[in-house]
Amino acid sequence: MSSRDAGRRAERAAQFMPFAALTGYYDLVRRRERVCEPRRDPGEEDAERISTELSRLKRGQLVRVTHYDGVAYATRTGVVSGVEPEHRTLSIARERISFDDVWSIEQL
């Protein structure tokens, strides 16, 4: 097969490759598929437990955090990249989570 034939085959194959005409469309569809859930306030005992767990967190620990993300509860597993009590935020990888949105924390 000549290089010219190979080039034609590559061009022909390219027309059947997936095409994403709308950048971000699939992310939007996935967000829309999520079921909206109202935010729940933890009871007094749960709030105290969460506060204690947050105070024990250190950078570099592997954790699983369930938190309210504005639409529903989501669970993230990752390495703690920062705990900022003055801003009341916890960072896991590149995501910042407000202390007020945390529902549960599990150290792994």
PDB file of N, CA and C in Angstrom:
ATOM      1  N   MET A   1       0.844  -1.165   0.000  1.00  0.00           N
ATOM      2  CA  MET A   1       0.000   0.000   0.000  1.00  0.00           C
ATOM      3  C   MET A   1       0.895   1.236   0.000  1.00  0.00           C
ATOM      4  N   SER A   2       0.562   2.162  -0.851  1.00  0.00           N
ATOM      5  CA  SER A   2       1.375   3.367  -0.946  1.00  0.00           C
ATOM      6  C   SER A   2       0.997   4.327   0.180  1.00  0.00           C
ATOM      7  N   SER A   3       1.869   5.299   0.408  1.00  0.00           N
ATOM      8  CA  SER A   3       1.586   6.288   1.447  1.00  0.00           C
ATOM      9  C   SER A   3       0.371   7.131   1.068  1.00  0.00           C
ATOM     10  N   ARG A   4       0.137   7.254  -0.217  1.00  0.00           N
ATOM     11  CA  ARG A   4      -1.033   8.017  -0.687  1.00  0.00           C
ATOM     12  C   ARG A   4      -2.329   7.283  -0.305  1.00  0.00           C
ATOM     13  N   ASP A   5      -2.349   5.964  -0.495  1.00  0.00           N
ATOM     14  CA  ASP A   5      -3.512   5.164  -0.111  1.00  0.00           C
ATOM     15  C   ASP A   5      -3.723   5.202   1.402  1.00  0.00           C
ATOM     16  N   ALA A   6      -2.641   5.152   2.136  1.00  0.00           N
ATOM     17  CA  ALA A   6      -2.730   5.200   3.592  1.00  0.00           C
ATOM     18  C   ALA A   6      -3.313   6.538   4.039  1.00  0.00           C
ATOM     19  N   GLY A   7      -2.909   7.620   3.372  1.00  0.00           N
ATOM     20  CA  GLY A   7      -3.441   8.942   3.698  1.00  0.00           C
ATOM     21  C   GLY A   7      -4.935   9.036   3.444  1.00  0.00           C
ATOM     22  N   ARG A   8      -5.375   8.439   2.346  1.00  0.00           N
ATOM     23  CA  ARG A   8      -6.808   8.437   2.021  1.00  0.00           C
ATOM     24  C   ARG A   8      -7.596   7.641   3.056  1.00  0.00           C
ATOM     25  N   ARG A   9      -7.044   6.513   3.463  1.00  0.00           N
ATOM     26  CA  ARG A   9      -7.724   5.704   4.479  1.00  0.00           C
ATOM     27  C   ARG A   9      -7.830   6.467   5.794  1.00  0.00           C
ATOM     28  N   ALA A  10      -6.786   7.169   6.167  1.00  0.00           N
ATOM     29  CA  ALA A  10      -6.806   7.954   7.408  1.00  0.00           C
ATOM     30  C   ALA A  10      -7.847   9.056   7.326  1.00  0.00           C
ATOM     31  N   GLU A  11      -7.949   9.724   6.180  1.00  0.00           N
ATOM     32  CA  GLU A  11      -8.954  10.773   5.993  1.00  0.00           C
ATOM     33  C   GLU A  11     -10.356  10.192   6.077  1.00  0.00           C
ATOM     34  N   ARG A  12     -10.547   9.035   5.442  1.00  0.00           N
ATOM     35  CA  ARG A  12     -11.858   8.384   5.473  1.00  0.00           C
ATOM     36  C   ARG A  12     -12.219   7.961   6.895  1.00  0.00           C
ATOM     37  N   ALA A  13     -11.262   7.414   7.607  1.00  0.00           N
ATOM     38  CA  ALA A  13     -11.512   6.981   8.985  1.00  0.00           C
ATOM     39  C   ALA A  13     -11.843   8.170   9.877  1.00  0.00           C
ATOM     40  N   ALA A  14     -11.212   9.318   9.632  1.00  0.00           N
ATOM     41  CA  ALA A  14     -11.441  10.499  10.462  1.00  0.00           C
ATOM     42  C   ALA A  14     -12.882  10.965  10.413  1.00  0.00           C
ATOM     43  N   GLN A  15     -13.568  10.735   9.308  1.00  0.00           N
ATOM     44  CA  GLN A  15     -14.949  11.204   9.210  1.00  0.00           C
ATOM     45  C   GLN A  15     -15.885  10.416  10.128  1.00  0.00           C
ATOM     46  N   PHE A  16     -15.457   9.244  10.570  1.00  0.00           N
ATOM     47  CA  PHE A  16     -16.290   8.432  11.453  1.00  0.00           C
ATOM     48  C   PHE A  16     -15.914   8.580  12.926  1.00  0.00           C
ATOM     49  N   MET A  17     -14.942   9.409  13.221  1.00  0.00           N
ATOM     50  CA  MET A  17     -14.538   9.633  14.602  1.00  0.00           C
ATOM     51  C   MET A  17     -15.604  10.456  15.310  1.00  0.00           C
ATOM     52  N   PRO A  18     -15.750  10.284  16.635  1.00  0.00           N
ATOM     53  CA  PRO A  18     -16.735  11.064  17.386  1.00  0.00           C
ATOM     54  C   PRO A  18     -16.469  12.557  17.221  1.00  0.00           C
ATOM     55  N   PHE A  19     -17.545  13.306  17.191  1.00  0.00           N
ATOM     56  CA  PHE A  19     -17.451  14.749  17.030  1.00  0.00           C
ATOM     57  C   PHE A  19     -18.244  15.422  18.138  1.00  0.00           C
ATOM     58  N   ALA A  20     -17.607  16.253  18.907  1.00  0.00           N
ATOM     59  CA  ALA A  20     -18.273  16.976  19.996  1.00  0.00           C
ATOM     60  C   ALA A  20     -18.494  18.406  19.520  1.00  0.00           C
ATOM     61  N   ALA A  21     -19.629  18.650  18.884  1.00  0.00           N
ATOM     62  CA  ALA A  21     -19.922  19.975  18.338  1.00  0.00           C
ATOM     63  C   ALA A  21     -20.139  20.993  19.445  1.00  0.00           C
ATOM     64  N   LEU A  22     -20.682  20.544  20.553  1.00  0.00           N
ATOM     65  CA  LEU A  22     -20.963  21.460  21.644  1.00  0.00           C
ATOM     66  C   LEU A  22     -20.049  21.136  22.824  1.00  0.00           C
ATOM     67  N   THR A  23     -19.028  21.922  23.005  1.00  0.00           N
ATOM     68  CA  THR A  23     -18.098  21.709  24.094  1.00  0.00           C
ATOM     69  C   THR A  23     -18.834  21.861  25.420  1.00  0.00           C
ATOM     70  N   GLY A  24     -18.672  20.875  26.295  1.00  0.00           N
ATOM     71  CA  GLY A  24     -19.325  20.916  27.604  1.00  0.00           C
ATOM     72  C   GLY A  24     -20.742  20.375  27.623  1.00  0.00           C
ATOM     73  N   TYR A  25     -21.257  19.989  26.468  1.00  0.00           N
ATOM     74  CA  TYR A  25     -22.639  19.517  26.389  1.00  0.00           C
ATOM     75  C   TYR A  25     -22.869  18.291  27.264  1.00  0.00           C
ATOM     76  N   TYR A  26     -21.966  17.311  27.190  1.00  0.00           N
ATOM     77  CA  TYR A  26     -22.155  16.073  27.945  1.00  0.00           C
ATOM     78  C   TYR A  26     -22.059  16.310  29.450  1.00  0.00           C
ATOM     79  N   ASP A  27     -21.219  17.250  29.876  1.00  0.00           N
ATOM     80  CA  ASP A  27     -21.156  17.596  31.296  1.00  0.00           C
ATOM     81  C   ASP A  27     -22.475  18.208  31.746  1.00  0.00           C
ATOM     82  N   LEU A  28     -23.047  19.068  30.923  1.00  0.00           N
ATOM     83  CA  LEU A  28     -24.331  19.685  31.237  1.00  0.00           C
ATOM     84  C   LEU A  28     -25.434  18.633  31.348  1.00  0.00           C
ATOM     85  N   VAL A  29     -25.444  17.696  30.444  1.00  0.00           N
ATOM     86  CA  VAL A  29     -26.450  16.631  30.474  1.00  0.00           C
ATOM     87  C   VAL A  29     -26.307  15.817  31.746  1.00  0.00           C
ATOM     88  N   ARG A  30     -25.080  15.480  32.133  1.00  0.00           N
ATOM     89  CA  ARG A  30     -24.863  14.709  33.367  1.00  0.00           C
ATOM     90  C   ARG A  30     -25.342  15.478  34.587  1.00  0.00           C
ATOM     91  N   ARG A  31     -25.109  16.783  34.622  1.00  0.00           N
ATOM     92  CA  ARG A  31     -25.578  17.588  35.758  1.00  0.00           C
ATOM     93  C   ARG A  31     -27.090  17.622  35.807  1.00  0.00           C
ATOM     94  N   ARG A  32     -27.725  17.701  34.658  1.00  0.00           N
ATOM     95  CA  ARG A  32     -29.187  17.731  34.591  1.00  0.00           C
ATOM     96  C   ARG A  32     -29.801  16.404  35.016  1.00  0.00           C
ATOM     97  N   GLU A  33     -29.062  15.310  34.812  1.00  0.00           N
ATOM     98  CA  GLU A  33     -29.555  13.989  35.177  1.00  0.00           C
ATOM     99  C   GLU A  33     -29.601  13.794  36.684  1.00  0.00           C
ATOM    100  N   ARG A  34     -28.823  14.547  37.420  1.00  0.00           N
ATOM    101  CA  ARG A  34     -28.783  14.408  38.870  1.00  0.00           C
ATOM    102  C   ARG A  34     -30.110  14.802  39.480  1.00  0.00           C
ATOM    103  N   VAL A  35     -30.495  14.075  40.478  1.00  0.00           N
ATOM    104  CA  VAL A  35     -31.737  14.361  41.179  1.00  0.00           C
ATOM    105  C   VAL A  35     -31.448  15.424  42.240  1.00  0.00           C
ATOM    106  N   CYS A  36     -32.195  16.506  42.199  1.00  0.00           N
ATOM    107  CA  CYS A  36     -32.029  17.567  43.194  1.00  0.00           C
ATOM    108  C   CYS A  36     -32.477  17.047  44.553  1.00  0.00           C
ATOM    109  N   GLU A  37     -31.756  17.469  45.561  1.00  0.00           N
ATOM    110  CA  GLU A  37     -32.015  16.990  46.904  1.00  0.00           C
ATOM    111  C   GLU A  37     -31.919  18.184  47.848  1.00  0.00           C
ATOM    112  N   PRO A  38     -32.870  18.361  48.748  1.00  0.00           N
ATOM    113  CA  PRO A  38     -32.770  19.492  49.673  1.00  0.00           C
ATOM    114  C   PRO A  38     -31.640  19.283  50.680  1.00  0.00           C
ATOM    115  N   ARG A  39     -31.069  20.378  51.110  1.00  0.00           N
ATOM    116  CA  ARG A  39     -29.970  20.324  52.087  1.00  0.00           C
ATOM    117  C   ARG A  39     -30.554  19.997  53.456  1.00  0.00           C
ATOM    118  N   ARG A  40     -29.883  19.094  54.172  1.00  0.00           N
ATOM    119  CA  ARG A  40     -30.311  18.708  55.519  1.00  0.00           C
ATOM    120  C   ARG A  40     -29.334  19.302  56.517  1.00  0.00           C
ATOM    121  N   ASP A  41     -29.856  19.726  57.638  1.00  0.00           N
ATOM    122  CA  ASP A  41     -28.994  20.221  58.709  1.00  0.00           C
ATOM    123  C   ASP A  41     -28.728  19.078  59.673  1.00  0.00           C
ATOM    124  N   PRO A  42     -27.462  18.861  60.032  1.00  0.00           N
ATOM    125  CA  PRO A  42     -27.166  17.775  60.974  1.00  0.00           C
ATOM    126  C   PRO A  42     -27.690  18.110  62.365  1.00  0.00           C
ATOM    127  N   GLY A  43     -28.004  17.083  63.123  1.00  0.00           N
ATOM    128  CA  GLY A  43     -28.419  17.284  64.508  1.00  0.00           C
ATOM    129  C   GLY A  43     -27.247  17.758  65.339  1.00  0.00           C
ATOM    130  N   GLU A  44     -27.510  18.062  66.578  1.00  0.00           N
ATOM    131  CA  GLU A  44     -26.474  18.602  67.462  1.00  0.00           C
ATOM    132  C   GLU A  44     -25.312  17.622  67.626  1.00  0.00           C
ATOM    133  N   GLU A  45     -25.617  16.335  67.837  1.00  0.00           N
ATOM    134  CA  GLU A  45     -24.563  15.331  68.010  1.00  0.00           C
ATOM    135  C   GLU A  45     -23.752  15.149  66.727  1.00  0.00           C
ATOM    136  N   ASP A  46     -24.453  15.111  65.584  1.00  0.00           N
ATOM    137  CA  ASP A  46     -23.755  14.963  64.300  1.00  0.00           C
ATOM    138  C   ASP A  46     -22.861  16.164  64.013  1.00  0.00           C
ATOM    139  N   ALA A  47     -23.356  17.359  64.312  1.00  0.00           N
ATOM    140  CA  ALA A  47     -22.567  18.579  64.081  1.00  0.00           C
ATOM    141  C   ALA A  47     -21.304  18.571  64.936  1.00  0.00           C
ATOM    142  N   GLU A  48     -21.418  18.100  66.155  1.00  0.00           N
ATOM    143  CA  GLU A  48     -20.255  18.034  67.043  1.00  0.00           C
ATOM    144  C   GLU A  48     -19.246  16.994  66.532  1.00  0.00           C
ATOM    145  N   ARG A  49     -19.737  15.840  66.070  1.00  0.00           N
ATOM    146  CA  ARG A  49     -18.883  14.792  65.523  1.00  0.00           C
ATOM    147  C   ARG A  49     -18.136  15.300  64.286  1.00  0.00           C
ATOM    148  N   ILE A  50     -18.854  15.988  63.385  1.00  0.00           N
ATOM    149  CA  ILE A  50     -18.240  16.535  62.169  1.00  0.00           C
ATOM    150  C   ILE A  50     -17.170  17.557  62.535  1.00  0.00           C
ATOM    151  N   SER A  51     -17.481  18.415  63.489  1.00  0.00           N
ATOM    152  CA  SER A  51     -16.526  19.432  63.923  1.00  0.00           C
ATOM    153  C   SER A  51     -15.254  18.797  64.487  1.00  0.00           C
ATOM    154  N   THR A  52     -15.413  17.745  65.270  1.00  0.00           N
ATOM    155  CA  THR A  52     -14.260  17.032  65.836  1.00  0.00           C
ATOM    156  C   THR A  52     -13.423  16.401  64.729  1.00  0.00           C
ATOM    157  N   GLU A  53     -14.090  15.770  63.773  1.00  0.00           N
ATOM    158  CA  GLU A  53     -13.372  15.136  62.662  1.00  0.00           C
ATOM    159  C   GLU A  53     -12.631  16.169  61.820  1.00  0.00           C
ATOM    160  N   LEU A  54     -13.250  17.315  61.580  1.00  0.00           N
ATOM    161  CA  LEU A  54     -12.594  18.377  60.805  1.00  0.00           C
ATOM    162  C   LEU A  54     -11.353  18.894  61.534  1.00  0.00           C
ATOM    163  N   SER A  55     -11.434  19.010  62.857  1.00  0.00           N
ATOM    164  CA  SER A  55     -10.292  19.535  63.618  1.00  0.00           C
ATOM    165  C   SER A  55      -9.107  18.568  63.618  1.00  0.00           C
ATOM    166  N   ARG A  56      -9.349  17.282  63.384  1.00  0.00           N
ATOM    167  CA  ARG A  56      -8.285  16.280  63.369  1.00  0.00           C
ATOM    168  C   ARG A  56      -7.604  16.124  62.012  1.00  0.00           C
ATOM    169  N   LEU A  57      -8.204  16.672  60.968  1.00  0.00           N
ATOM    170  CA  LEU A  57      -7.659  16.483  59.617  1.00  0.00           C
ATOM    171  C   LEU A  57      -6.319  17.177  59.445  1.00  0.00           C
ATOM    172  N   LYS A  58      -5.443  16.484  58.737  1.00  0.00           N
ATOM    173  CA  LYS A  58      -4.122  17.025  58.405  1.00  0.00           C
ATOM    174  C   LYS A  58      -3.904  16.906  56.902  1.00  0.00           C
ATOM    175  N   ARG A  59      -3.121  17.791  56.392  1.00  0.00           N
ATOM    176  CA  ARG A  59      -2.762  17.757  54.969  1.00  0.00           C
ATOM    177  C   ARG A  59      -2.083  16.426  54.645  1.00  0.00           C
ATOM    178  N   GLY A  60      -2.468  15.831  53.512  1.00  0.00           N
ATOM    179  CA  GLY A  60      -1.876  14.577  53.080  1.00  0.00           C
ATOM    180  C   GLY A  60      -2.667  13.338  53.469  1.00  0.00           C
ATOM    181  N   GLN A  61      -3.686  13.483  54.309  1.00  0.00           N
ATOM    182  CA  GLN A  61      -4.502  12.332  54.696  1.00  0.00           C
ATOM    183  C   GLN A  61      -5.473  11.960  53.583  1.00  0.00           C
ATOM    184  N   LEU A  62      -5.742  10.669  53.461  1.00  0.00           N
ATOM    185  CA  LEU A  62      -6.727  10.172  52.508  1.00  0.00           C
ATOM    186  C   LEU A  62      -8.071  10.100  53.226  1.00  0.00           C
ATOM    187  N   VAL A  63      -9.082  10.768  52.660  1.00  0.00           N
ATOM    188  CA  VAL A  63     -10.397  10.826  53.294  1.00  0.00           C
ATOM    189  C   VAL A  63     -11.517  10.608  52.279  1.00  0.00           C
ATOM    190  N   ARG A  64     -12.668  10.270  52.803  1.00  0.00           N
ATOM    191  CA  ARG A  64     -13.903  10.220  52.008  1.00  0.00           C
ATOM    192  C   ARG A  64     -14.864  11.200  52.677  1.00  0.00           C
ATOM    193  N   VAL A  65     -15.309  12.211  51.936  1.00  0.00           N
ATOM    194  CA  VAL A  65     -16.173  13.253  52.470  1.00  0.00           C
ATOM    195  C   VAL A  65     -17.488  13.275  51.697  1.00  0.00           C
ATOM    196  N   THR A  66     -18.577  13.256  52.436  1.00  0.00           N
ATOM    197  CA  THR A  66     -19.888  13.440  51.833  1.00  0.00           C
ATOM    198  C   THR A  66     -20.308  14.859  52.177  1.00  0.00           C
ATOM    199  N   HIS A  67     -20.673  15.616  51.134  1.00  0.00           N
ATOM    200  CA  HIS A  67     -21.004  17.027  51.342  1.00  0.00           C
ATOM    201  C   HIS A  67     -22.108  17.452  50.380  1.00  0.00           C
ATOM    202  N   TYR A  68     -22.753  18.562  50.716  1.00  0.00           N
ATOM    203  CA  TYR A  68     -23.787  19.130  49.857  1.00  0.00           C
ATOM    204  C   TYR A  68     -23.106  20.048  48.860  1.00  0.00           C
ATOM    205  N   ASP A  69     -23.348  19.821  47.565  1.00  0.00           N
ATOM    206  CA  ASP A  69     -22.665  20.611  46.536  1.00  0.00           C
ATOM    207  C   ASP A  69     -23.552  21.670  45.891  1.00  0.00           C
ATOM    208  N   GLY A  70     -24.659  22.002  46.542  1.00  0.00           N
ATOM    209  CA  GLY A  70     -25.556  23.026  46.004  1.00  0.00           C
ATOM    210  C   GLY A  70     -26.764  22.439  45.313  1.00  0.00           C
ATOM    211  N   VAL A  71     -26.694  21.174  44.921  1.00  0.00           N
ATOM    212  CA  VAL A  71     -27.796  20.500  44.233  1.00  0.00           C
ATOM    213  C   VAL A  71     -28.188  19.228  44.979  1.00  0.00           C
ATOM    214  N   ALA A  72     -27.184  18.459  45.365  1.00  0.00           N
ATOM    215  CA  ALA A  72     -27.408  17.178  46.018  1.00  0.00           C
ATOM    216  C   ALA A  72     -26.171  16.822  46.838  1.00  0.00           C
ATOM    217  N   TYR A  73     -26.248  15.709  47.542  1.00  0.00           N
ATOM    218  CA  TYR A  73     -25.097  15.243  48.306  1.00  0.00           C
ATOM    219  C   TYR A  73     -24.171  14.444  47.400  1.00  0.00           C
ATOM    220  N   ALA A  74     -22.888  14.735  47.496  1.00  0.00           N
ATOM    221  CA  ALA A  74     -21.869  14.069  46.693  1.00  0.00           C
ATOM    222  C   ALA A  74     -20.802  13.531  47.627  1.00  0.00           C
ATOM    223  N   THR A  75     -20.184  12.442  47.246  1.00  0.00           N
ATOM    224  CA  THR A  75     -19.102  11.855  48.034  1.00  0.00           C
ATOM    225  C   THR A  75     -17.820  11.941  47.229  1.00  0.00           C
ATOM    226  N   ARG A  76     -16.792  12.488  47.839  1.00  0.00           N
ATOM    227  CA  ARG A  76     -15.481  12.625  47.216  1.00  0.00           C
ATOM    228  C   ARG A  76     -14.463  11.859  48.046  1.00  0.00           C
ATOM    229  N   THR A  77     -13.592  11.171  47.365  1.00  0.00           N
ATOM    230  CA  THR A  77     -12.488  10.483  48.026  1.00  0.00           C
ATOM    231  C   THR A  77     -11.210  11.077  47.468  1.00  0.00           C
ATOM    232  N   GLY A  78     -10.311  11.456  48.363  1.00  0.00           N
ATOM    233  CA  GLY A  78      -9.062  12.038  47.900  1.00  0.00           C
ATOM    234  C   GLY A  78      -8.161  12.431  49.045  1.00  0.00           C
ATOM    235  N   VAL A  79      -7.059  13.026  48.686  1.00  0.00           N
ATOM    236  CA  VAL A  79      -6.055  13.461  49.652  1.00  0.00           C
ATOM    237  C   VAL A  79      -6.354  14.899  50.047  1.00  0.00           C
ATOM    238  N   VAL A  80      -6.316  15.158  51.340  1.00  0.00           N
ATOM    239  CA  VAL A  80      -6.544  16.511  51.850  1.00  0.00           C
ATOM    240  C   VAL A  80      -5.375  17.385  51.422  1.00  0.00           C
ATOM    241  N   SER A  81      -5.681  18.430  50.660  1.00  0.00           N
ATOM    242  CA  SER A  81      -4.613  19.336  50.225  1.00  0.00           C
ATOM    243  C   SER A  81      -4.588  20.612  51.061  1.00  0.00           C
ATOM    244  N   GLY A  82      -5.584  20.787  51.927  1.00  0.00           N
ATOM    245  CA  GLY A  82      -5.585  21.943  52.812  1.00  0.00           C
ATOM    246  C   GLY A  82      -6.795  21.981  53.714  1.00  0.00           C
ATOM    247  N   VAL A  83      -6.592  22.484  54.927  1.00  0.00           N
ATOM    248  CA  VAL A  83      -7.672  22.729  55.877  1.00  0.00           C
ATOM    249  C   VAL A  83      -7.489  24.165  56.328  1.00  0.00           C
ATOM    250  N   GLU A  84      -8.489  25.000  56.076  1.00  0.00           N
ATOM    251  CA  GLU A  84      -8.393  26.419  56.403  1.00  0.00           C
ATOM    252  C   GLU A  84      -9.503  26.804  57.380  1.00  0.00           C
ATOM    253  N   PRO A  85      -9.228  26.671  58.697  1.00  0.00           N
ATOM    254  CA  PRO A  85     -10.261  27.004  59.692  1.00  0.00           C
ATOM    255  C   PRO A  85     -10.716  28.466  59.614  1.00  0.00           C
ATOM    256  N   GLU A  86      -9.782  29.370  59.238  1.00  0.00           N
ATOM    257  CA  GLU A  86     -10.154  30.792  59.163  1.00  0.00           C
ATOM    258  C   GLU A  86     -11.153  31.064  58.038  1.00  0.00           C
ATOM    259  N   HIS A  87     -11.119  30.248  56.973  1.00  0.00           N
ATOM    260  CA  HIS A  87     -12.079  30.388  55.870  1.00  0.00           C
ATOM    261  C   HIS A  87     -13.174  29.330  55.932  1.00  0.00           C
ATOM    262  N   ARG A  88     -13.030  28.432  56.915  1.00  0.00           N
ATOM    263  CA  ARG A  88     -13.981  27.331  57.118  1.00  0.00           C
ATOM    264  C   ARG A  88     -14.130  26.486  55.863  1.00  0.00           C
ATOM    265  N   THR A  89     -12.972  26.121  55.272  1.00  0.00           N
ATOM    266  CA  THR A  89     -12.978  25.285  54.076  1.00  0.00           C
ATOM    267  C   THR A  89     -11.986  24.136  54.204  1.00  0.00           C
ATOM    268  N   LEU A  90     -12.317  23.084  53.488  1.00  0.00           N
ATOM    269  CA  LEU A  90     -11.493  21.898  53.374  1.00  0.00           C
ATOM    270  C   LEU A  90     -11.218  21.716  51.892  1.00  0.00           C
ATOM    271  N   SER A  91      -9.984  21.446  51.525  1.00  0.00           N
ATOM    272  CA  SER A  91      -9.633  21.227  50.115  1.00  0.00           C
ATOM    273  C   SER A  91      -9.218  19.782  49.922  1.00  0.00           C
ATOM    274  N   ILE A  92      -9.863  19.151  48.950  1.00  0.00           N
ATOM    275  CA  ILE A  92      -9.498  17.800  48.545  1.00  0.00           C
ATOM    276  C   ILE A  92      -9.144  17.895  47.078  1.00  0.00           C
ATOM    277  N   ALA A  93      -7.876  17.632  46.787  1.00  0.00           N
ATOM    278  CA  ALA A  93      -7.353  17.836  45.426  1.00  0.00           C
ATOM    279  C   ALA A  93      -7.607  19.289  45.047  1.00  0.00           C
ATOM    280  N   ARG A  94      -8.431  19.540  44.044  1.00  0.00           N
ATOM    281  CA  ARG A  94      -8.690  20.928  43.618  1.00  0.00           C
ATOM    282  C   ARG A  94     -10.058  21.432  44.030  1.00  0.00           C
ATOM    283  N   GLU A  95     -10.767  20.662  44.814  1.00  0.00           N
ATOM    284  CA  GLU A  95     -12.125  21.056  45.203  1.00  0.00           C
ATOM    285  C   GLU A  95     -12.135  21.597  46.631  1.00  0.00           C
ATOM    286  N   ARG A  96     -12.741  22.777  46.788  1.00  0.00           N
ATOM    287  CA  ARG A  96     -12.885  23.384  48.112  1.00  0.00           C
ATOM    288  C   ARG A  96     -14.288  23.114  48.620  1.00  0.00           C
ATOM    289  N   ILE A  97     -14.374  22.637  49.841  1.00  0.00           N
ATOM    290  CA  ILE A  97     -15.645  22.275  50.452  1.00  0.00           C
ATOM    291  C   ILE A  97     -15.810  23.084  51.727  1.00  0.00           C
ATOM    292  N   SER A  98     -16.944  23.752  51.840  1.00  0.00           N
ATOM    293  CA  SER A  98     -17.240  24.528  53.038  1.00  0.00           C
ATOM    294  C   SER A  98     -17.505  23.582  54.206  1.00  0.00           C
ATOM    295  N   PHE A  99     -17.010  23.947  55.388  1.00  0.00           N
ATOM    296  CA  PHE A  99     -17.281  23.142  56.578  1.00  0.00           C
ATOM    297  C   PHE A  99     -18.786  22.958  56.766  1.00  0.00           C
ATOM    298  N   ASP A 100     -19.569  23.990  56.450  1.00  0.00           N
ATOM    299  CA  ASP A 100     -21.020  23.938  56.656  1.00  0.00           C
ATOM    300  C   ASP A 100     -21.715  22.927  55.746  1.00  0.00           C
ATOM    301  N   ASP A 101     -21.064  22.552  54.649  1.00  0.00           N
ATOM    302  CA  ASP A 101     -21.663  21.612  53.694  1.00  0.00           C
ATOM    303  C   ASP A 101     -21.284  20.152  53.979  1.00  0.00           C
ATOM    304  N   VAL A 102     -20.364  19.915  54.901  1.00  0.00           N
ATOM    305  CA  VAL A 102     -19.905  18.554  55.187  1.00  0.00           C
ATOM    306  C   VAL A 102     -20.982  17.794  55.948  1.00  0.00           C
ATOM    307  N   TRP A 103     -21.280  16.599  55.455  1.00  0.00           N
ATOM    308  CA  TRP A 103     -22.260  15.729  56.119  1.00  0.00           C
ATOM    309  C   TRP A 103     -21.549  14.608  56.880  1.00  0.00           C
ATOM    310  N   SER A 104     -20.460  14.082  56.294  1.00  0.00           N
ATOM    311  CA  SER A 104     -19.680  13.059  57.003  1.00  0.00           C
ATOM    312  C   SER A 104     -18.253  13.029  56.471  1.00  0.00           C
ATOM    313  N   ILE A 105     -17.342  12.558  57.321  1.00  0.00           N
ATOM    314  CA  ILE A 105     -15.933  12.434  56.954  1.00  0.00           C
ATOM    315  C   ILE A 105     -15.457  11.085  57.454  1.00  0.00           C
ATOM    316  N   GLU A 106     -14.718  10.401  56.610  1.00  0.00           N
ATOM    317  CA  GLU A 106     -14.149   9.117  56.980  1.00  0.00           C
ATOM    318  C   GLU A 106     -12.677   9.117  56.587  1.00  0.00           C
ATOM    319  N   GLN A 107     -11.805   8.896  57.542  1.00  0.00           N
ATOM    320  CA  GLN A 107     -10.375   8.801  57.240  1.00  0.00           C
ATOM    321  C   GLN A 107     -10.098   7.389  56.747  1.00  0.00           C
ATOM    322  N   LEU A 108      -9.388   7.277  55.635  1.00  0.00           N
ATOM    323  CA  LEU A 108      -9.102   5.968  55.046  1.00  0.00           C
ATOM    324  C   LEU A 108      -7.680   5.533  55.292  1.00  0.00           C
TER     325      LEU A 108
END
